[in-house]
Amino acid sequence: MRRGVYGRGARVGTVPSITVLVTDANTPFNYTDWVAAAAELRSDNIELYVVSVGNGPYPVAMAAVAGNADRVINVAREDDVTTAAAGMLDRLCL
């Protein structure tokens, strides 16, 4: 994603580069890979937020991916993602 979406990194100027990851994290995988990829994004000044859906995501792992538990929103169902996105936009677009 970093290479495909952001190319050489975050935008220059006053507009922040933000990525929102929406996941149910229901498939067994190594969270270490996610944390490393997220750290690489943050090192390029790209902010990362996580919307975790359902019971699959593990709070500690999702906080590690986001870099901060305050950047994680948990929703119970896929239908709730739209509501979470609206709340997130309110927080991010001040």
PDB file of N, CA and C in Angstrom:
ATOM      1  N   MET A   1       0.825  -1.180   0.000  1.00  0.00           N
ATOM      2  CA  MET A   1       0.000   0.000   0.000  1.00  0.00           C
ATOM      3  C   MET A   1       0.875   1.251   0.000  1.00  0.00           C
ATOM      4  N   ARG A   2       1.924   1.231   0.758  1.00  0.00           N
ATOM      5  CA  ARG A   2       2.785   2.414   0.850  1.00  0.00           C
ATOM      6  C   ARG A   2       3.320   2.806  -0.522  1.00  0.00           C
ATOM      7  N   ARG A   3       3.814   1.858  -1.260  1.00  0.00           N
ATOM      8  CA  ARG A   3       4.354   2.170  -2.585  1.00  0.00           C
ATOM      9  C   ARG A   3       3.244   2.509  -3.571  1.00  0.00           C
ATOM     10  N   GLY A   4       2.148   1.774  -3.530  1.00  0.00           N
ATOM     11  CA  GLY A   4       1.078   1.958  -4.502  1.00  0.00           C
ATOM     12  C   GLY A   4       0.272   3.223  -4.304  1.00  0.00           C
ATOM     13  N   VAL A   5      -0.022   3.566  -3.074  1.00  0.00           N
ATOM     14  CA  VAL A   5      -0.871   4.726  -2.788  1.00  0.00           C
ATOM     15  C   VAL A   5      -0.051   5.989  -2.579  1.00  0.00           C
ATOM     16  N   TYR A   6       0.997   5.893  -1.802  1.00  0.00           N
ATOM     17  CA  TYR A   6       1.746   7.083  -1.420  1.00  0.00           C
ATOM     18  C   TYR A   6       3.048   7.287  -2.190  1.00  0.00           C
ATOM     19  N   GLY A   7       3.456   6.312  -2.957  1.00  0.00           N
ATOM     20  CA  GLY A   7       4.688   6.472  -3.729  1.00  0.00           C
ATOM     21  C   GLY A   7       5.885   6.720  -2.844  1.00  0.00           C
ATOM     22  N   ARG A   8       6.312   7.967  -2.763  1.00  0.00           N
ATOM     23  CA  ARG A   8       7.518   8.303  -2.000  1.00  0.00           C
ATOM     24  C   ARG A   8       7.240   8.762  -0.576  1.00  0.00           C
ATOM     25  N   GLY A   9       6.011   8.637  -0.113  1.00  0.00           N
ATOM     26  CA  GLY A   9       5.722   9.039   1.261  1.00  0.00           C
ATOM     27  C   GLY A   9       4.562  10.005   1.337  1.00  0.00           C
ATOM     28  N   ALA A  10       4.456  10.640   2.469  1.00  0.00           N
ATOM     29  CA  ALA A  10       3.344  11.537   2.749  1.00  0.00           C
ATOM     30  C   ALA A  10       3.416  12.789   1.888  1.00  0.00           C
ATOM     31  N   ARG A  11       2.287  13.461   1.785  1.00  0.00           N
ATOM     32  CA  ARG A  11       2.226  14.726   1.065  1.00  0.00           C
ATOM     33  C   ARG A  11       3.046  15.772   1.789  1.00  0.00           C
ATOM     34  N   VAL A  12       3.519  16.709   1.040  1.00  0.00           N
ATOM     35  CA  VAL A  12       4.252  17.822   1.623  1.00  0.00           C
ATOM     36  C   VAL A  12       3.265  18.959   1.814  1.00  0.00           C
ATOM     37  N   GLY A  13       3.337  19.632   2.947  1.00  0.00           N
ATOM     38  CA  GLY A  13       2.433  20.751   3.204  1.00  0.00           C
ATOM     39  C   GLY A  13       1.629  20.532   4.464  1.00  0.00           C
ATOM     40  N   THR A  14       0.494  21.193   4.535  1.00  0.00           N
ATOM     41  CA  THR A  14      -0.294  21.182   5.762  1.00  0.00           C
ATOM     42  C   THR A  14      -1.364  20.099   5.797  1.00  0.00           C
ATOM     43  N   VAL A  15      -1.649  19.444   4.666  1.00  0.00           N
ATOM     44  CA  VAL A  15      -2.676  18.405   4.635  1.00  0.00           C
ATOM     45  C   VAL A  15      -2.032  17.073   5.018  1.00  0.00           C
ATOM     46  N   PRO A  16      -2.496  16.458   6.108  1.00  0.00           N
ATOM     47  CA  PRO A  16      -1.881  15.201   6.531  1.00  0.00           C
ATOM     48  C   PRO A  16      -2.247  14.048   5.600  1.00  0.00           C
ATOM     49  N   SER A  17      -1.382  13.066   5.520  1.00  0.00           N
ATOM     50  CA  SER A  17      -1.673  11.829   4.797  1.00  0.00           C
ATOM     51  C   SER A  17      -2.179  10.832   5.821  1.00  0.00           C
ATOM     52  N   ILE A  18      -3.375  10.314   5.578  1.00  0.00           N
ATOM     53  CA  ILE A  18      -4.027   9.428   6.538  1.00  0.00           C
ATOM     54  C   ILE A  18      -4.500   8.174   5.824  1.00  0.00           C
ATOM     55  N   THR A  19      -4.280   7.029   6.450  1.00  0.00           N
ATOM     56  CA  THR A  19      -4.787   5.756   5.952  1.00  0.00           C
ATOM     57  C   THR A  19      -5.694   5.165   7.012  1.00  0.00           C
ATOM     58  N   VAL A  20      -6.846   4.659   6.575  1.00  0.00           N
ATOM     59  CA  VAL A  20      -7.771   3.976   7.470  1.00  0.00           C
ATOM     60  C   VAL A  20      -7.837   2.518   7.029  1.00  0.00           C
ATOM     61  N   LEU A  21      -7.454   1.630   7.915  1.00  0.00           N
ATOM     62  CA  LEU A  21      -7.491   0.197   7.664  1.00  0.00           C
ATOM     63  C   LEU A  21      -8.758  -0.360   8.291  1.00  0.00           C
ATOM     64  N   VAL A  22      -9.602  -0.997   7.486  1.00  0.00           N
ATOM     65  CA  VAL A  22     -10.811  -1.644   7.989  1.00  0.00           C
ATOM     66  C   VAL A  22     -10.574  -3.141   7.872  1.00  0.00           C
ATOM     67  N   THR A  23     -10.699  -3.851   8.987  1.00  0.00           N
ATOM     68  CA  THR A  23     -10.396  -5.284   8.987  1.00  0.00           C
ATOM     69  C   THR A  23     -11.258  -6.040   9.988  1.00  0.00           C
ATOM     70  N   ASP A  24     -11.540  -7.293   9.644  1.00  0.00           N
ATOM     71  CA  ASP A  24     -12.133  -8.180  10.636  1.00  0.00           C
ATOM     72  C   ASP A  24     -11.045  -9.068  11.232  1.00  0.00           C
ATOM     73  N   ALA A  25      -9.876  -9.066  10.615  1.00  0.00           N
ATOM     74  CA  ALA A  25      -8.709  -9.827  11.097  1.00  0.00           C
ATOM     75  C   ALA A  25      -9.090 -11.238  11.505  1.00  0.00           C
ATOM     76  N   ASN A  26      -9.987 -11.817  10.759  1.00  0.00           N
ATOM     77  CA  ASN A  26     -10.499 -13.148  11.083  1.00  0.00           C
ATOM     78  C   ASN A  26      -9.617 -14.277  10.562  1.00  0.00           C
ATOM     79  N   THR A  27      -8.722 -13.984   9.656  1.00  0.00           N
ATOM     80  CA  THR A  27      -7.839 -14.993   9.088  1.00  0.00           C
ATOM     81  C   THR A  27      -6.583 -15.103   9.938  1.00  0.00           C
ATOM     82  N   PRO A  28      -6.157 -16.315  10.251  1.00  0.00           N
ATOM     83  CA  PRO A  28      -4.911 -16.442  11.018  1.00  0.00           C
ATOM     84  C   PRO A  28      -3.730 -15.853  10.238  1.00  0.00           C
ATOM     85  N   PHE A  29      -2.997 -14.973  10.861  1.00  0.00           N
ATOM     86  CA  PHE A  29      -1.819 -14.386  10.235  1.00  0.00           C
ATOM     87  C   PHE A  29      -0.904 -13.863  11.321  1.00  0.00           C
ATOM     88  N   ASN A  30       0.249 -13.430  10.904  1.00  0.00           N
ATOM     89  CA  ASN A  30       1.251 -12.938  11.831  1.00  0.00           C
ATOM     90  C   ASN A  30       1.097 -11.422  11.975  1.00  0.00           C
ATOM     91  N   TYR A  31       0.624 -10.957  13.115  1.00  0.00           N
ATOM     92  CA  TYR A  31       0.436  -9.522  13.338  1.00  0.00           C
ATOM     93  C   TYR A  31       1.753  -8.754  13.263  1.00  0.00           C
ATOM     94  N   THR A  32       2.854  -9.438  13.477  1.00  0.00           N
ATOM     95  CA  THR A  32       4.155  -8.783  13.416  1.00  0.00           C
ATOM     96  C   THR A  32       4.360  -8.137  12.045  1.00  0.00           C
ATOM     97  N   ASP A  33       3.910  -8.812  10.991  1.00  0.00           N
ATOM     98  CA  ASP A  33       4.026  -8.252   9.640  1.00  0.00           C
ATOM     99  C   ASP A  33       3.224  -6.960   9.514  1.00  0.00           C
ATOM    100  N   TRP A  34       2.023  -6.956  10.072  1.00  0.00           N
ATOM    101  CA  TRP A  34       1.167  -5.765  10.016  1.00  0.00           C
ATOM    102  C   TRP A  34       1.806  -4.615  10.783  1.00  0.00           C
ATOM    103  N   VAL A  35       2.313  -4.914  11.971  1.00  0.00           N
ATOM    104  CA  VAL A  35       2.926  -3.882  12.812  1.00  0.00           C
ATOM    105  C   VAL A  35       4.150  -3.287  12.104  1.00  0.00           C
ATOM    106  N   ALA A  36       4.948  -4.127  11.479  1.00  0.00           N
ATOM    107  CA  ALA A  36       6.137  -3.644  10.765  1.00  0.00           C
ATOM    108  C   ALA A  36       5.737  -2.763   9.576  1.00  0.00           C
ATOM    109  N   ALA A  37       4.728  -3.180   8.817  1.00  0.00           N
ATOM    110  CA  ALA A  37       4.270  -2.385   7.668  1.00  0.00           C
ATOM    111  C   ALA A  37       3.687  -1.056   8.136  1.00  0.00           C
ATOM    112  N   ALA A  38       2.951  -1.076   9.238  1.00  0.00           N
ATOM    113  CA  ALA A  38       2.367   0.157   9.776  1.00  0.00           C
ATOM    114  C   ALA A  38       3.457   1.103  10.275  1.00  0.00           C
ATOM    115  N   ALA A  39       4.488   0.561  10.897  1.00  0.00           N
ATOM    116  CA  ALA A  39       5.604   1.391  11.368  1.00  0.00           C
ATOM    117  C   ALA A  39       6.309   2.056  10.192  1.00  0.00           C
ATOM    118  N   GLU A  40       6.391   1.353   9.085  1.00  0.00           N
ATOM    119  CA  GLU A  40       7.000   1.916   7.881  1.00  0.00           C
ATOM    120  C   GLU A  40       6.159   3.093   7.362  1.00  0.00           C
ATOM    121  N   LEU A  41       4.836   2.943   7.383  1.00  0.00           N
ATOM    122  CA  LEU A  41       3.968   4.059   6.984  1.00  0.00           C
ATOM    123  C   LEU A  41       4.185   5.261   7.892  1.00  0.00           C
ATOM    124  N   ARG A  42       4.184   5.018   9.189  1.00  0.00           N
ATOM    125  CA  ARG A  42       4.351   6.121  10.134  1.00  0.00           C
ATOM    126  C   ARG A  42       5.713   6.797   9.988  1.00  0.00           C
ATOM    127  N   SER A  43       6.733   6.026   9.613  1.00  0.00           N
ATOM    128  CA  SER A  43       8.056   6.620   9.428  1.00  0.00           C
ATOM    129  C   SER A  43       8.072   7.574   8.236  1.00  0.00           C
ATOM    130  N   ASP A  44       7.094   7.443   7.353  1.00  0.00           N
ATOM    131  CA  ASP A  44       6.950   8.354   6.210  1.00  0.00           C
ATOM    132  C   ASP A  44       5.904   9.443   6.492  1.00  0.00           C
ATOM    133  N   ASN A  45       5.593   9.648   7.780  1.00  0.00           N
ATOM    134  CA  ASN A  45       4.621  10.668   8.203  1.00  0.00           C
ATOM    135  C   ASN A  45       3.218  10.423   7.669  1.00  0.00           C
ATOM    136  N   ILE A  46       2.835   9.161   7.591  1.00  0.00           N
ATOM    137  CA  ILE A  46       1.486   8.785   7.197  1.00  0.00           C
ATOM    138  C   ILE A  46       0.784   8.268   8.440  1.00  0.00           C
ATOM    139  N   GLU A  47      -0.308   8.931   8.814  1.00  0.00           N
ATOM    140  CA  GLU A  47      -1.050   8.541  10.001  1.00  0.00           C
ATOM    141  C   GLU A  47      -1.915   7.324   9.676  1.00  0.00           C
ATOM    142  N   LEU A  48      -2.041   6.413  10.625  1.00  0.00           N
ATOM    143  CA  LEU A  48      -2.790   5.185  10.420  1.00  0.00           C
ATOM    144  C   LEU A  48      -3.859   5.035  11.486  1.00  0.00           C
ATOM    145  N   TYR A  49      -5.076   4.745  11.031  1.00  0.00           N
ATOM    146  CA  TYR A  49      -6.205   4.469  11.909  1.00  0.00           C
ATOM    147  C   TYR A  49      -6.760   3.096  11.545  1.00  0.00           C
ATOM    148  N   VAL A  50      -7.324   2.392  12.529  1.00  0.00           N
ATOM    149  CA  VAL A  50      -7.860   1.050  12.301  1.00  0.00           C
ATOM    150  C   VAL A  50      -9.316   1.012  12.744  1.00  0.00           C
ATOM    151  N   VAL A  51     -10.164   0.475  11.871  1.00  0.00           N
ATOM    152  CA  VAL A  51     -11.543   0.149  12.231  1.00  0.00           C
ATOM    153  C   VAL A  51     -11.595  -1.367  12.266  1.00  0.00           C
ATOM    154  N   SER A  52     -11.789  -1.926  13.441  1.00  0.00           N
ATOM    155  CA  SER A  52     -11.849  -3.378  13.578  1.00  0.00           C
ATOM    156  C   SER A  52     -13.311  -3.805  13.684  1.00  0.00           C
ATOM    157  N   VAL A  53     -13.664  -4.815  12.906  1.00  0.00           N
ATOM    158  CA  VAL A  53     -15.050  -5.261  12.795  1.00  0.00           C
ATOM    159  C   VAL A  53     -15.200  -6.626  13.439  1.00  0.00           C
ATOM    160  N   GLY A  54     -16.187  -6.746  14.318  1.00  0.00           N
ATOM    161  CA  GLY A  54     -16.520  -8.037  14.915  1.00  0.00           C
ATOM    162  C   GLY A  54     -15.601  -8.434  16.042  1.00  0.00           C
ATOM    163  N   ASN A  55     -15.589  -9.729  16.300  1.00  0.00           N
ATOM    164  CA  ASN A  55     -14.807 -10.265  17.419  1.00  0.00           C
ATOM    165  C   ASN A  55     -13.412 -10.711  17.011  1.00  0.00           C
ATOM    166  N   GLY A  56     -13.120 -10.718  15.702  1.00  0.00           N
ATOM    167  CA  GLY A  56     -11.838 -11.226  15.215  1.00  0.00           C
ATOM    168  C   GLY A  56     -10.631 -10.437  15.674  1.00  0.00           C
ATOM    169  N   PRO A  57     -10.643  -9.112  15.522  1.00  0.00           N
ATOM    170  CA  PRO A  57      -9.427  -8.350  15.840  1.00  0.00           C
ATOM    171  C   PRO A  57      -9.089  -8.377  17.322  1.00  0.00           C
ATOM    172  N   TYR A  58      -7.837  -8.482  17.583  1.00  0.00           N
ATOM    173  CA  TYR A  58      -7.363  -8.455  18.963  1.00  0.00           C
ATOM    174  C   TYR A  58      -6.979  -7.029  19.311  1.00  0.00           C
ATOM    175  N   PRO A  59      -7.551  -6.457  20.374  1.00  0.00           N
ATOM    176  CA  PRO A  59      -7.331  -5.045  20.697  1.00  0.00           C
ATOM    177  C   PRO A  59      -5.856  -4.649  20.813  1.00  0.00           C
ATOM    178  N   VAL A  60      -5.058  -5.472  21.442  1.00  0.00           N
ATOM    179  CA  VAL A  60      -3.644  -5.134  21.621  1.00  0.00           C
ATOM    180  C   VAL A  60      -2.939  -5.098  20.267  1.00  0.00           C
ATOM    181  N   ALA A  61      -3.232  -6.071  19.424  1.00  0.00           N
ATOM    182  CA  ALA A  61      -2.605  -6.118  18.102  1.00  0.00           C
ATOM    183  C   ALA A  61      -3.060  -4.945  17.245  1.00  0.00           C
ATOM    184  N   MET A  62      -4.345  -4.617  17.278  1.00  0.00           N
ATOM    185  CA  MET A  62      -4.849  -3.505  16.477  1.00  0.00           C
ATOM    186  C   MET A  62      -4.270  -2.174  16.958  1.00  0.00           C
ATOM    187  N   ALA A  63      -4.084  -2.028  18.267  1.00  0.00           N
ATOM    188  CA  ALA A  63      -3.456  -0.813  18.802  1.00  0.00           C
ATOM    189  C   ALA A  63      -1.998  -0.731  18.350  1.00  0.00           C
ATOM    190  N   ALA A  64      -1.326  -1.868  18.294  1.00  0.00           N
ATOM    191  CA  ALA A  64       0.066  -1.888  17.828  1.00  0.00           C
ATOM    192  C   ALA A  64       0.134  -1.508  16.347  1.00  0.00           C
ATOM    193  N   VAL A  65      -0.808  -1.972  15.558  1.00  0.00           N
ATOM    194  CA  VAL A  65      -0.851  -1.618  14.136  1.00  0.00           C
ATOM    195  C   VAL A  65      -1.113  -0.125  13.978  1.00  0.00           C
ATOM    196  N   ALA A  66      -2.080   0.401  14.725  1.00  0.00           N
ATOM    197  CA  ALA A  66      -2.422   1.822  14.623  1.00  0.00           C
ATOM    198  C   ALA A  66      -1.361   2.716  15.252  1.00  0.00           C
ATOM    199  N   GLY A  67      -0.569   2.160  16.139  1.00  0.00           N
ATOM    200  CA  GLY A  67       0.458   2.948  16.820  1.00  0.00           C
ATOM    201  C   GLY A  67      -0.042   3.585  18.097  1.00  0.00           C
ATOM    202  N   ASN A  68      -1.340   3.447  18.359  1.00  0.00           N
ATOM    203  CA  ASN A  68      -1.938   4.066  19.533  1.00  0.00           C
ATOM    204  C   ASN A  68      -3.373   3.546  19.643  1.00  0.00           C
ATOM    205  N   ALA A  69      -3.780   3.124  20.827  1.00  0.00           N
ATOM    206  CA  ALA A  69      -5.135   2.599  21.017  1.00  0.00           C
ATOM    207  C   ALA A  69      -6.206   3.642  20.710  1.00  0.00           C
ATOM    208  N   ASP A  70      -5.876   4.931  20.835  1.00  0.00           N
ATOM    209  CA  ASP A  70      -6.842   5.990  20.524  1.00  0.00           C
ATOM    210  C   ASP A  70      -7.157   6.058  19.037  1.00  0.00           C
ATOM    211  N   ARG A  71      -6.373   5.384  18.225  1.00  0.00           N
ATOM    212  CA  ARG A  71      -6.585   5.398  16.772  1.00  0.00           C
ATOM    213  C   ARG A  71      -7.294   4.135  16.285  1.00  0.00           C
ATOM    214  N   VAL A  72      -7.901   3.407  17.216  1.00  0.00           N
ATOM    215  CA  VAL A  72      -8.633   2.183  16.878  1.00  0.00           C
ATOM    216  C   VAL A  72     -10.096   2.372  17.246  1.00  0.00           C
ATOM    217  N   ILE A  73     -10.965   2.056  16.294  1.00  0.00           N
ATOM    218  CA  ILE A  73     -12.405   2.073  16.540  1.00  0.00           C
ATOM    219  C   ILE A  73     -12.897   0.645  16.339  1.00  0.00           C
ATOM    220  N   ASN A  74     -13.598   0.121  17.324  1.00  0.00           N
ATOM    221  CA  ASN A  74     -14.162  -1.222  17.228  1.00  0.00           C
ATOM    222  C   ASN A  74     -15.650  -1.132  16.930  1.00  0.00           C
ATOM    223  N   VAL A  75     -16.105  -1.911  15.958  1.00  0.00           N
ATOM    224  CA  VAL A  75     -17.529  -1.977  15.638  1.00  0.00           C
ATOM    225  C   VAL A  75     -17.950  -3.440  15.656  1.00  0.00           C
ATOM    226  N   ALA A  76     -19.199  -3.663  16.022  1.00  0.00           N
ATOM    227  CA  ALA A  76     -19.683  -5.030  16.172  1.00  0.00           C
ATOM    228  C   ALA A  76     -19.957  -5.717  14.836  1.00  0.00           C
ATOM    229  N   ARG A  77     -20.510  -4.962  13.867  1.00  0.00           N
ATOM    230  CA  ARG A  77     -20.915  -5.565  12.594  1.00  0.00           C
ATOM    231  C   ARG A  77     -20.435  -4.718  11.424  1.00  0.00           C
ATOM    232  N   GLU A  78     -20.406  -5.340  10.263  1.00  0.00           N
ATOM    233  CA  GLU A  78     -20.012  -4.623   9.053  1.00  0.00           C
ATOM    234  C   GLU A  78     -20.923  -3.422   8.801  1.00  0.00           C
ATOM    235  N   ASP A  79     -22.198  -3.550   9.142  1.00  0.00           N
ATOM    236  CA  ASP A  79     -23.152  -2.451   8.941  1.00  0.00           C
ATOM    237  C   ASP A  79     -22.765  -1.208   9.738  1.00  0.00           C
ATOM    238  N   ASP A  80     -21.983  -1.388  10.799  1.00  0.00           N
ATOM    239  CA  ASP A  80     -21.598  -0.267  11.656  1.00  0.00           C
ATOM    240  C   ASP A  80     -20.373   0.493  11.141  1.00  0.00           C
ATOM    241  N   VAL A  81     -19.733  -0.005  10.083  1.00  0.00           N
ATOM    242  CA  VAL A  81     -18.522   0.635   9.566  1.00  0.00           C
ATOM    243  C   VAL A  81     -18.837   2.042   9.064  1.00  0.00           C
ATOM    244  N   THR A  82     -19.976   2.235   8.402  1.00  0.00           N
ATOM    245  CA  THR A  82     -20.345   3.555   7.885  1.00  0.00           C
ATOM    246  C   THR A  82     -20.481   4.558   9.021  1.00  0.00           C
ATOM    247  N   THR A  83     -21.118   4.156  10.100  1.00  0.00           N
ATOM    248  CA  THR A  83     -21.275   5.038  11.254  1.00  0.00           C
ATOM    249  C   THR A  83     -19.912   5.366  11.862  1.00  0.00           C
ATOM    250  N   ALA A  84     -19.049   4.349  11.965  1.00  0.00           N
ATOM    251  CA  ALA A  84     -17.703   4.566  12.501  1.00  0.00           C
ATOM    252  C   ALA A  84     -16.921   5.516  11.602  1.00  0.00           C
ATOM    253  N   ALA A  85     -17.074   5.358  10.286  1.00  0.00           N
ATOM    254  CA  ALA A  85     -16.362   6.230   9.348  1.00  0.00           C
ATOM    255  C   ALA A  85     -16.805   7.679   9.506  1.00  0.00           C
ATOM    256  N   ALA A  86     -18.095   7.897   9.694  1.00  0.00           N
ATOM    257  CA  ALA A  86     -18.596   9.263   9.876  1.00  0.00           C
ATOM    258  C   ALA A  86     -18.015   9.874  11.148  1.00  0.00           C
ATOM    259  N   GLY A  87     -17.966   9.111  12.223  1.00  0.00           N
ATOM    260  CA  GLY A  87     -17.382   9.599  13.468  1.00  0.00           C
ATOM    261  C   GLY A  87     -15.899   9.877  13.323  1.00  0.00           C
ATOM    262  N   MET A  88     -15.212   9.031  12.571  1.00  0.00           N
ATOM    263  CA  MET A  88     -13.795   9.224  12.359  1.00  0.00           C
ATOM    264  C   MET A  88     -13.546  10.491  11.536  1.00  0.00           C
ATOM    265  N   LEU A  89     -14.344  10.720  10.517  1.00  0.00           N
ATOM    266  CA  LEU A  89     -14.187  11.941   9.713  1.00  0.00           C
ATOM    267  C   LEU A  89     -14.381  13.176  10.567  1.00  0.00           C
ATOM    268  N   ASP A  90     -15.323  13.129  11.487  1.00  0.00           N
ATOM    269  CA  ASP A  90     -15.526  14.269  12.388  1.00  0.00           C
ATOM    270  C   ASP A  90     -14.263  14.548  13.201  1.00  0.00           C
ATOM    271  N   ARG A  91     -13.584  13.488  13.660  1.00  0.00           N
ATOM    272  CA  ARG A  91     -12.368  13.649  14.456  1.00  0.00           C
ATOM    273  C   ARG A  91     -11.190  14.137  13.617  1.00  0.00           C
ATOM    274  N   LEU A  92     -11.105  13.638  12.383  1.00  0.00           N
ATOM    275  CA  LEU A  92      -9.931  13.929  11.558  1.00  0.00           C
ATOM    276  C   LEU A  92     -10.023  15.242  10.799  1.00  0.00           C
ATOM    277  N   CYS A  93     -11.220  15.663  10.458  1.00  0.00           N
ATOM    278  CA  CYS A  93     -11.396  16.847   9.624  1.00  0.00           C
ATOM    279  C   CYS A  93     -11.808  18.046  10.472  1.00  0.00           C
ATOM    280  N   LEU A  94     -10.913  18.496  11.301  1.00  0.00           N
ATOM    281  CA  LEU A  94     -11.199  19.640  12.169  1.00  0.00           C
ATOM    282  C   LEU A  94     -10.877  20.942  11.487  1.00  0.00           C
TER     283      LEU A  94
END
